[in-house]
Amino acid sequence: MVVTSGKILLIDDDAESLRVLYEVLSRGGYDVACAENGYDAIQIVHRGVISLVISDYDLPDTTGPELIQQMRQICP
């Protein structure tokens, strides 16, 4: 198993997509957090450093690019 540093944040409103990506990345040794909407993703960013964000473009409460802009304001 590969040991990695940093945390990956997955954001998708499709629960099955989140589950599959989570399993693949976790098995690869990555620390993974998941959110189903922009609000939850922002809460995760407030709690700690995220090294990589993988986001769906269309989310229930925002878009991927808008969400990334909000995250950059929190953690430049």
N, C-alpha and C. Protein backbone atom coordinates (compact mmCIF):
# COMPACT_ATOMS: atom_id res chain seq x y z
N MET A 1 0.84 -1.18 0.00
CA MET A 1 0.00 0.00 0.00
C MET A 1 0.88 1.24 0.00
N VAL A 2 0.50 2.22 -0.79
CA VAL A 2 1.22 3.48 -0.86
C VAL A 2 0.75 4.38 0.27
N VAL A 3 1.68 4.96 1.00
CA VAL A 3 1.33 5.89 2.06
C VAL A 3 1.51 7.30 1.50
N THR A 4 0.49 8.10 1.62
CA THR A 4 0.53 9.45 1.06
C THR A 4 0.29 10.48 2.15
N SER A 5 0.63 11.71 1.85
CA SER A 5 0.33 12.79 2.79
C SER A 5 -0.69 13.72 2.14
N GLY A 6 -1.37 14.47 2.96
CA GLY A 6 -2.39 15.37 2.45
C GLY A 6 -3.75 14.70 2.38
N LYS A 7 -4.75 15.54 2.21
CA LYS A 7 -6.14 15.05 2.16
C LYS A 7 -6.78 15.45 0.84
N ILE A 8 -7.55 14.54 0.29
CA ILE A 8 -8.30 14.79 -0.94
C ILE A 8 -9.77 15.01 -0.56
N LEU A 9 -10.36 16.05 -1.11
CA LEU A 9 -11.77 16.33 -0.90
C LEU A 9 -12.54 16.02 -2.18
N LEU A 10 -13.46 15.08 -2.10
CA LEU A 10 -14.32 14.71 -3.22
C LEU A 10 -15.68 15.38 -3.02
N ILE A 11 -16.19 16.03 -4.08
CA ILE A 11 -17.48 16.71 -3.98
C ILE A 11 -18.34 16.29 -5.17
N ASP A 12 -19.45 15.64 -4.87
CA ASP A 12 -20.37 15.20 -5.92
C ASP A 12 -21.72 14.91 -5.28
N ASP A 13 -22.79 15.31 -5.95
CA ASP A 13 -24.12 15.04 -5.41
C ASP A 13 -24.62 13.65 -5.78
N ASP A 14 -23.85 12.92 -6.55
CA ASP A 14 -24.18 11.53 -6.89
C ASP A 14 -23.47 10.61 -5.88
N ALA A 15 -24.24 10.03 -4.97
CA ALA A 15 -23.67 9.22 -3.90
C ALA A 15 -22.86 8.03 -4.42
N GLU A 16 -23.30 7.44 -5.51
CA GLU A 16 -22.58 6.28 -6.07
C GLU A 16 -21.20 6.70 -6.60
N SER A 17 -21.13 7.83 -7.26
CA SER A 17 -19.84 8.33 -7.75
C SER A 17 -18.90 8.60 -6.58
N LEU A 18 -19.43 9.22 -5.54
CA LEU A 18 -18.61 9.48 -4.34
C LEU A 18 -18.10 8.18 -3.75
N ARG A 19 -18.96 7.19 -3.64
CA ARG A 19 -18.57 5.91 -3.05
C ARG A 19 -17.45 5.25 -3.84
N VAL A 20 -17.60 5.20 -5.15
CA VAL A 20 -16.59 4.55 -6.00
C VAL A 20 -15.25 5.27 -5.90
N LEU A 21 -15.26 6.59 -6.05
CA LEU A 21 -14.01 7.35 -5.96
C LEU A 21 -13.38 7.22 -4.59
N TYR A 22 -14.20 7.28 -3.55
CA TYR A 22 -13.69 7.13 -2.19
C TYR A 22 -12.99 5.78 -2.02
N GLU A 23 -13.62 4.72 -2.46
CA GLU A 23 -13.03 3.38 -2.32
C GLU A 23 -11.72 3.27 -3.08
N VAL A 24 -11.68 3.75 -4.32
CA VAL A 24 -10.46 3.66 -5.13
C VAL A 24 -9.32 4.44 -4.47
N LEU A 25 -9.60 5.67 -4.07
CA LEU A 25 -8.54 6.49 -3.49
C LEU A 25 -8.11 5.99 -2.11
N SER A 26 -9.06 5.56 -1.31
CA SER A 26 -8.73 5.02 0.02
C SER A 26 -7.86 3.78 -0.09
N ARG A 27 -8.20 2.91 -1.01
CA ARG A 27 -7.38 1.71 -1.21
C ARG A 27 -5.97 2.06 -1.69
N GLY A 28 -5.85 3.20 -2.34
CA GLY A 28 -4.55 3.68 -2.81
C GLY A 28 -3.74 4.36 -1.71
N GLY A 29 -4.30 4.41 -0.51
CA GLY A 29 -3.57 4.97 0.62
C GLY A 29 -3.83 6.45 0.88
N TYR A 30 -4.81 7.02 0.18
CA TYR A 30 -5.09 8.44 0.35
C TYR A 30 -6.09 8.69 1.48
N ASP A 31 -5.93 9.82 2.14
CA ASP A 31 -6.87 10.29 3.15
C ASP A 31 -7.94 11.08 2.39
N VAL A 32 -9.18 10.63 2.44
CA VAL A 32 -10.24 11.19 1.60
C VAL A 32 -11.41 11.69 2.45
N ALA A 33 -11.89 12.88 2.13
CA ALA A 33 -13.11 13.42 2.72
C ALA A 33 -14.12 13.59 1.59
N CYS A 34 -15.40 13.46 1.91
CA CYS A 34 -16.45 13.56 0.89
C CYS A 34 -17.52 14.57 1.29
N ALA A 35 -18.06 15.25 0.28
CA ALA A 35 -19.18 16.18 0.49
C ALA A 35 -20.14 16.03 -0.69
N GLU A 36 -21.43 16.16 -0.40
CA GLU A 36 -22.45 16.04 -1.45
C GLU A 36 -22.94 17.39 -1.95
N ASN A 37 -22.44 18.48 -1.36
CA ASN A 37 -22.84 19.82 -1.80
C ASN A 37 -21.78 20.83 -1.41
N GLY A 38 -21.94 22.04 -1.90
CA GLY A 38 -20.96 23.08 -1.64
C GLY A 38 -20.87 23.47 -0.17
N TYR A 39 -22.01 23.54 0.50
CA TYR A 39 -22.02 23.92 1.91
C TYR A 39 -21.17 22.95 2.73
N ASP A 40 -21.40 21.66 2.56
CA ASP A 40 -20.64 20.66 3.32
C ASP A 40 -19.15 20.72 2.97
N ALA A 41 -18.85 20.96 1.70
CA ALA A 41 -17.45 21.06 1.28
C ALA A 41 -16.75 22.22 1.98
N ILE A 42 -17.41 23.36 2.07
CA ILE A 42 -16.83 24.53 2.74
C ILE A 42 -16.60 24.23 4.22
N GLN A 43 -17.52 23.51 4.86
CA GLN A 43 -17.34 23.16 6.27
C GLN A 43 -16.10 22.28 6.45
N ILE A 44 -15.86 21.37 5.54
CA ILE A 44 -14.68 20.50 5.60
C ILE A 44 -13.42 21.33 5.43
N VAL A 45 -13.43 22.28 4.51
CA VAL A 45 -12.26 23.14 4.29
C VAL A 45 -11.96 23.97 5.54
N HIS A 46 -12.98 24.43 6.22
CA HIS A 46 -12.78 25.20 7.46
C HIS A 46 -12.13 24.35 8.56
N ARG A 47 -12.33 23.05 8.53
CA ARG A 47 -11.80 22.17 9.58
C ARG A 47 -10.35 21.75 9.36
N GLY A 48 -9.81 21.93 8.16
CA GLY A 48 -8.43 21.49 7.95
C GLY A 48 -7.95 21.72 6.54
N VAL A 49 -6.67 21.45 6.36
CA VAL A 49 -6.02 21.68 5.07
C VAL A 49 -6.39 20.57 4.09
N ILE A 50 -6.75 20.97 2.90
CA ILE A 50 -7.06 20.05 1.81
C ILE A 50 -5.97 20.21 0.75
N SER A 51 -5.39 19.10 0.32
CA SER A 51 -4.32 19.15 -0.68
C SER A 51 -4.84 19.12 -2.10
N LEU A 52 -5.98 18.45 -2.31
CA LEU A 52 -6.53 18.30 -3.66
C LEU A 52 -8.05 18.25 -3.57
N VAL A 53 -8.71 18.97 -4.49
CA VAL A 53 -10.17 18.96 -4.57
C VAL A 53 -10.57 18.37 -5.92
N ILE A 54 -11.47 17.39 -5.88
CA ILE A 54 -12.06 16.82 -7.09
C ILE A 54 -13.56 17.07 -6.96
N SER A 55 -14.09 17.92 -7.86
CA SER A 55 -15.48 18.34 -7.73
C SER A 55 -16.27 18.13 -9.01
N ASP A 56 -17.51 17.75 -8.82
CA ASP A 56 -18.49 17.76 -9.89
C ASP A 56 -18.70 19.22 -10.31
N TYR A 57 -19.05 19.44 -11.56
CA TYR A 57 -19.27 20.81 -12.03
C TYR A 57 -20.60 21.35 -11.51
N ASP A 58 -21.67 20.57 -11.64
CA ASP A 58 -22.99 21.01 -11.21
C ASP A 58 -23.34 20.38 -9.87
N LEU A 59 -23.47 21.22 -8.86
CA LEU A 59 -23.85 20.78 -7.52
C LEU A 59 -25.20 21.40 -7.18
N PRO A 60 -25.90 20.86 -6.19
CA PRO A 60 -27.24 21.37 -5.88
C PRO A 60 -27.27 22.85 -5.48
N ASP A 61 -26.22 23.33 -4.83
CA ASP A 61 -26.24 24.69 -4.30
C ASP A 61 -25.21 25.63 -4.92
N THR A 62 -24.40 25.15 -5.87
CA THR A 62 -23.37 25.98 -6.50
C THR A 62 -22.79 25.23 -7.69
N THR A 63 -21.78 25.81 -8.30
CA THR A 63 -21.05 25.10 -9.35
C THR A 63 -19.63 24.83 -8.85
N GLY A 64 -18.96 23.89 -9.47
CA GLY A 64 -17.59 23.58 -9.09
C GLY A 64 -16.67 24.79 -9.10
N PRO A 65 -16.64 25.58 -10.21
CA PRO A 65 -15.77 26.75 -10.24
C PRO A 65 -16.10 27.79 -9.15
N GLU A 66 -17.38 28.02 -8.89
CA GLU A 66 -17.75 28.96 -7.82
C GLU A 66 -17.27 28.45 -6.47
N LEU A 67 -17.40 27.17 -6.26
CA LEU A 67 -16.97 26.56 -5.00
C LEU A 67 -15.46 26.70 -4.82
N ILE A 68 -14.70 26.47 -5.87
CA ILE A 68 -13.24 26.60 -5.78
C ILE A 68 -12.87 28.04 -5.45
N GLN A 69 -13.57 29.02 -6.01
CA GLN A 69 -13.30 30.43 -5.67
C GLN A 69 -13.54 30.68 -4.19
N GLN A 70 -14.61 30.14 -3.65
CA GLN A 70 -14.89 30.30 -2.22
C GLN A 70 -13.80 29.65 -1.38
N MET A 71 -13.35 28.48 -1.79
CA MET A 71 -12.30 27.78 -1.05
C MET A 71 -10.99 28.56 -1.07
N ARG A 72 -10.68 29.18 -2.19
CA ARG A 72 -9.45 29.98 -2.29
C ARG A 72 -9.48 31.18 -1.36
N GLN A 73 -10.65 31.72 -1.07
CA GLN A 73 -10.76 32.82 -0.12
C GLN A 73 -10.50 32.34 1.30
N ILE A 74 -10.89 31.11 1.59
CA ILE A 74 -10.68 30.54 2.92
C ILE A 74 -9.23 30.11 3.11
N CYS A 75 -8.69 29.48 2.09
CA CYS A 75 -7.35 28.90 2.18
C CYS A 75 -6.59 29.22 0.89
N PRO A 76 -5.99 30.42 0.83
CA PRO A 76 -5.32 30.84 -0.42
C PRO A 76 -4.17 30.01 -0.77
